[in-house]
Amino acid sequence: MSTPFFVTGTDTDVGKTLVSTAILYAAAQQGLTTAAIKPLAAGCEQTPQGLRNDDALQLQQVITAPLSYEQINPVALESAVSPHIAAHQAGKRLTAERLAGYCRALTLQKYDCLIVEGAGGWRVPINHRETLADLARLLSLPVIVVVGVRLGCLNHALLTCEAIARDRLPIAGWVANQLDPAMAAYDDNVATLTQAIDAPCLGEIPFLAQPTAANAAAYLDIAPLISPGKAAST
């Protein structure tokens, strides 16, 4: 599992952080060293320590590496809007290469499990020419897709996977995260996704009353992400 993974979603608020923290939690339970970075976060709160993003704080709480907040979330933007708009409002200029530089600082450390968590979906703009997909492409990372299972998820998931394939990046796996507990034909939707996505399903997370990393990890199988012999050696 020494290869870092880029976690993206089929939309915003589909559970990327829940899945990211669940993977990290599961890896740590197997004795693996873990780290995470959310290089860009829009929607941060002012605190005495500076701007803080709840997703990044959750990542910090679950990893085994003693990383500072700034290492986990180097670019924090206050407005909860598209990153390129939030950056413009803050008088900042974002580039994929700059974000990649922050990520490379961690990839050089050779953690057993390193998660790079995106923001929003695959094609979220970071400036007028680039999207977060360009970051994943610069890093050449395999992608984990979080599918927010609700009405419309089939279209969103298939378009996301097509875009990732067009960008010539492999999909390491995908996770079904149930957002609507009363969704009609849930099983049929997941079956359709399983047939259509050419990558292993790492698990189905049901609608959770308490969506914690530990609770979600119980529904995941990270074995497809672990390199042969890694878990046995820990």
Protein backbone atom coordinates (compact mmCIF):
# COMPACT_ATOMS: atom_id res chain seq x y z
CA MET A 1 0.00 0.00 0.00
CA SER A 2 3.02 2.28 -0.38
CA THR A 3 1.47 3.87 -3.47
CA PRO A 4 -0.43 7.05 -2.56
CA PHE A 5 -4.07 7.28 -3.64
CA PHE A 6 -6.12 10.25 -4.79
CA VAL A 7 -9.66 10.24 -3.38
CA THR A 8 -12.30 11.96 -5.48
CA GLY A 9 -16.08 12.03 -5.37
CA THR A 10 -18.97 12.01 -7.79
CA ASP A 11 -20.03 15.38 -6.36
CA THR A 12 -19.44 17.55 -3.34
CA ASP A 13 -20.60 16.26 0.07
CA VAL A 14 -20.67 12.60 -0.99
CA GLY A 15 -18.42 11.31 1.78
CA LYS A 16 -14.84 11.68 0.53
CA THR A 17 -13.55 12.47 4.00
CA LEU A 18 -15.57 9.69 5.61
CA VAL A 19 -14.10 7.18 3.17
CA SER A 20 -10.59 8.65 3.40
CA THR A 21 -10.57 8.48 7.19
CA ALA A 22 -12.10 4.99 7.14
CA ILE A 23 -9.32 3.73 4.83
CA LEU A 24 -6.69 5.35 7.02
CA TYR A 25 -8.26 3.90 10.16
CA ALA A 26 -8.41 0.42 8.65
CA ALA A 27 -4.79 0.67 7.52
CA ALA A 28 -3.64 1.76 10.97
CA GLN A 29 -5.53 -1.17 12.50
CA GLN A 30 -3.32 -3.42 10.35
CA GLY A 31 -0.19 -1.78 11.73
CA LEU A 32 0.52 0.41 8.71
CA THR A 33 1.87 3.95 8.98
CA THR A 34 -0.61 6.48 7.61
CA ALA A 35 -0.63 10.09 6.46
CA ALA A 36 -3.00 12.33 4.54
CA ILE A 37 -3.13 15.64 2.77
CA LYS A 38 -6.04 17.75 1.63
CA PRO A 39 -3.95 20.24 -0.32
CA LEU A 40 -6.88 22.54 -1.00
CA ALA A 41 -9.93 23.21 1.13
CA ALA A 42 -12.61 25.82 0.52
CA GLY A 43 -15.02 26.37 3.36
CA CYS A 44 -12.79 27.04 6.37
CA GLU A 45 -13.56 28.71 9.67
CA GLN A 46 -11.53 31.40 11.36
CA THR A 47 -10.00 30.16 14.60
CA PRO A 48 -7.32 31.55 16.94
CA GLN A 49 -4.87 29.27 15.11
CA GLY A 50 -5.97 30.50 11.67
CA LEU A 51 -8.29 29.08 9.03
CA ARG A 52 -9.33 25.51 9.75
CA ASN A 53 -11.32 23.02 7.66
CA ASP A 54 -13.32 20.26 9.35
CA ASP A 55 -12.37 17.65 6.74
CA ALA A 56 -8.67 18.32 7.23
CA LEU A 57 -9.07 18.16 11.01
CA GLN A 58 -10.73 14.76 10.70
CA LEU A 59 -7.80 13.53 8.61
CA GLN A 60 -5.36 14.86 11.20
CA GLN A 61 -7.16 13.01 13.99
CA VAL A 62 -6.99 9.58 12.35
CA ILE A 63 -3.48 9.43 10.81
CA THR A 64 -0.50 7.92 12.61
CA ALA A 65 2.01 10.50 11.32
CA PRO A 66 2.51 13.58 13.55
CA LEU A 67 1.74 16.11 10.81
CA SER A 68 0.89 19.75 11.49
CA TYR A 69 -2.37 21.18 10.25
CA GLU A 70 -0.50 23.22 7.64
CA GLN A 71 1.10 20.06 6.24
CA ILE A 72 -2.31 18.43 5.88
CA ASN A 73 -4.12 21.48 4.51
CA PRO A 74 -1.57 23.92 3.06
CA VAL A 75 -4.15 25.99 1.15
CA ALA A 76 -7.14 26.93 3.30
CA LEU A 77 -9.81 29.21 1.82
CA GLU A 78 -12.63 30.71 3.82
CA SER A 79 -15.52 30.86 1.33
CA ALA A 80 -17.50 27.65 0.84
CA VAL A 81 -17.62 27.99 -2.94
CA SER A 82 -15.70 26.55 -5.88
CA PRO A 83 -11.95 26.75 -5.12
CA HIS A 84 -11.12 29.05 -8.03
CA ILE A 85 -13.77 31.52 -6.86
CA ALA A 86 -12.73 31.27 -3.20
CA ALA A 87 -9.09 31.81 -4.19
CA HIS A 88 -10.00 34.87 -6.26
CA GLN A 89 -11.96 36.30 -3.33
CA ALA A 90 -8.93 35.76 -1.08
CA GLY A 91 -6.53 37.31 -3.59
CA LYS A 92 -4.70 34.04 -4.17
CA ARG A 93 -3.74 32.20 -7.34
CA LEU A 94 -3.96 28.44 -7.41
CA THR A 95 -2.03 26.15 -9.76
CA ALA A 96 -1.90 22.38 -10.03
CA GLU A 97 1.90 22.46 -9.89
CA ARG A 98 1.92 24.39 -6.62
CA LEU A 99 -0.55 21.96 -5.06
CA ALA A 100 1.48 19.03 -6.38
CA GLY A 101 4.55 20.43 -4.64
CA TYR A 102 2.80 20.27 -1.28
CA CYS A 103 1.79 16.67 -1.95
CA ARG A 104 5.26 15.61 -3.08
CA ALA A 105 6.67 16.74 0.25
CA LEU A 106 4.66 13.90 1.81
CA THR A 107 5.03 11.31 -0.95
CA LEU A 108 8.80 11.41 -0.41
CA GLN A 109 8.31 10.20 3.18
CA LYS A 110 7.20 6.70 2.08
CA TYR A 111 4.28 6.16 4.40
CA ASP A 112 2.58 2.77 4.10
CA CYS A 113 -0.72 4.51 3.36
CA LEU A 114 -0.97 8.07 2.05
CA ILE A 115 -4.27 9.58 1.00
CA VAL A 116 -4.50 12.74 -1.10
CA GLU A 117 -8.07 13.97 -0.74
CA GLY A 118 -9.56 16.17 -3.41
CA ALA A 119 -12.22 18.84 -3.05
CA GLY A 120 -15.62 18.43 -4.64
CA GLY A 121 -15.66 16.32 -7.80
CA TRP A 122 -13.14 15.38 -10.47
CA ARG A 123 -13.45 18.49 -12.65
CA VAL A 124 -13.61 21.16 -9.95
CA PRO A 125 -11.79 24.25 -11.32
CA ILE A 126 -8.80 25.64 -9.46
CA ASN A 127 -8.18 28.42 -12.00
CA HIS A 128 -9.45 29.33 -15.47
CA ARG A 129 -7.40 26.58 -17.14
CA GLU A 130 -6.89 23.80 -14.61
CA THR A 131 -9.01 21.53 -12.45
CA LEU A 132 -8.15 19.26 -9.53
CA ALA A 133 -7.87 16.46 -12.08
CA ASP A 134 -4.67 18.15 -13.26
CA LEU A 135 -3.25 17.70 -9.75
CA ALA A 136 -3.94 13.96 -9.83
CA ARG A 137 -2.42 13.77 -13.30
CA LEU A 138 0.76 15.59 -12.24
CA LEU A 139 1.17 13.15 -9.36
CA SER A 140 0.20 10.12 -11.52
CA LEU A 141 -1.90 8.74 -8.70
CA PRO A 142 -4.37 5.86 -8.84
CA VAL A 143 -7.85 7.10 -7.94
CA ILE A 144 -10.41 5.95 -5.40
CA VAL A 145 -13.90 7.09 -6.37
CA VAL A 146 -16.49 7.78 -3.68
CA VAL A 147 -19.97 7.37 -5.12
CA GLY A 148 -22.67 9.18 -3.19
CA VAL A 149 -25.53 6.73 -3.66
CA ARG A 150 -28.71 8.69 -4.18
CA LEU A 151 -30.98 9.47 -7.12
CA GLY A 152 -28.75 10.47 -10.06
CA CYS A 153 -25.69 8.60 -8.82
CA LEU A 154 -25.42 6.34 -11.88
CA ASN A 155 -24.92 9.25 -14.27
CA HIS A 156 -22.54 11.04 -11.91
CA ALA A 157 -20.48 7.92 -11.25
CA LEU A 158 -20.18 6.82 -14.87
CA LEU A 159 -19.27 10.31 -16.07
CA THR A 160 -16.63 10.60 -13.32
CA CYS A 161 -15.10 7.24 -14.21
CA GLU A 162 -15.10 8.13 -17.92
CA ALA A 163 -13.30 11.39 -17.16
CA ILE A 164 -10.68 9.61 -15.05
CA ALA A 165 -10.09 7.10 -17.84
CA ARG A 166 -9.80 9.95 -20.34
CA ASP A 167 -7.11 11.45 -18.12
CA ARG A 168 -5.31 8.09 -18.30
CA LEU A 169 -5.29 7.39 -14.59
CA PRO A 170 -6.20 4.01 -13.11
CA ILE A 171 -9.14 3.59 -10.77
CA ALA A 172 -7.87 1.60 -7.79
CA GLY A 173 -11.34 1.06 -6.40
CA TRP A 174 -14.64 2.68 -5.58
CA VAL A 175 -16.89 2.94 -2.55
CA ALA A 176 -20.68 3.14 -2.43
CA ASN A 177 -21.70 5.59 0.29
CA GLN A 178 -25.44 5.61 0.91
CA LEU A 179 -26.61 9.22 1.31
CA ASP A 180 -30.37 8.61 1.17
CA PRO A 181 -31.57 5.94 3.61
CA ALA A 182 -34.93 5.76 1.81
CA MET A 183 -33.50 5.52 -1.71
CA ALA A 184 -35.62 3.38 -4.00
CA ALA A 185 -33.89 0.42 -5.71
CA TYR A 186 -30.66 0.91 -3.77
CA ASP A 187 -29.44 -2.64 -4.41
CA ASP A 188 -30.19 -2.37 -8.12
CA ASN A 189 -28.23 0.86 -8.37
CA VAL A 190 -25.20 -0.64 -6.65
CA ALA A 191 -25.42 -3.73 -8.85
CA THR A 192 -25.44 -1.51 -11.93
CA LEU A 193 -22.36 0.36 -10.71
CA THR A 194 -20.56 -2.89 -9.89
CA GLN A 195 -21.13 -4.11 -13.42
CA ALA A 196 -20.24 -0.80 -15.08
CA ILE A 197 -17.13 0.26 -13.14
CA ASP A 198 -14.01 -1.66 -14.10
CA ALA A 199 -12.46 -1.57 -10.64
CA PRO A 200 -13.06 -3.38 -7.35
CA CYS A 201 -15.77 -2.16 -5.02
CA LEU A 202 -14.02 -1.56 -1.70
CA GLY A 203 -17.30 -1.62 0.18
CA GLU A 204 -20.78 -0.28 0.71
CA ILE A 205 -21.21 2.14 3.58
CA PRO A 206 -24.85 2.30 4.67
CA PHE A 207 -26.46 5.49 5.90
CA LEU A 208 -24.82 5.91 9.31
CA ALA A 209 -26.38 7.72 12.25
CA GLN A 210 -22.81 8.24 13.52
CA PRO A 211 -20.55 8.55 10.45
CA THR A 212 -17.15 8.04 12.09
CA ALA A 213 -13.99 6.59 10.60
CA ALA A 214 -14.22 3.51 12.81
CA ASN A 215 -17.88 2.88 11.99
CA ALA A 216 -17.34 3.30 8.25
CA ALA A 217 -14.17 1.18 8.24
CA ALA A 218 -16.22 -1.82 9.32
CA TYR A 219 -17.84 -1.83 5.88
CA LEU A 220 -14.63 -1.53 3.83
CA ASP A 221 -12.21 -4.09 2.46
CA ILE A 222 -8.87 -2.40 1.78
CA ALA A 223 -7.17 -5.62 0.70
CA PRO A 224 -7.23 -4.59 -3.01
CA LEU A 225 -5.21 -1.50 -2.05
CA ILE A 226 -2.52 -3.32 -0.11
CA SER A 227 0.52 -4.52 -2.00
CA PRO A 228 1.22 -8.28 -1.72
CA GLY A 229 2.89 -9.21 1.52
CA LYS A 230 2.59 -5.75 3.08
CA ALA A 231 -0.02 -6.61 5.67
CA ALA A 232 1.72 -9.88 6.53
CA SER A 233 4.96 -8.06 7.29
CA THR A 234 3.42 -5.71 9.84
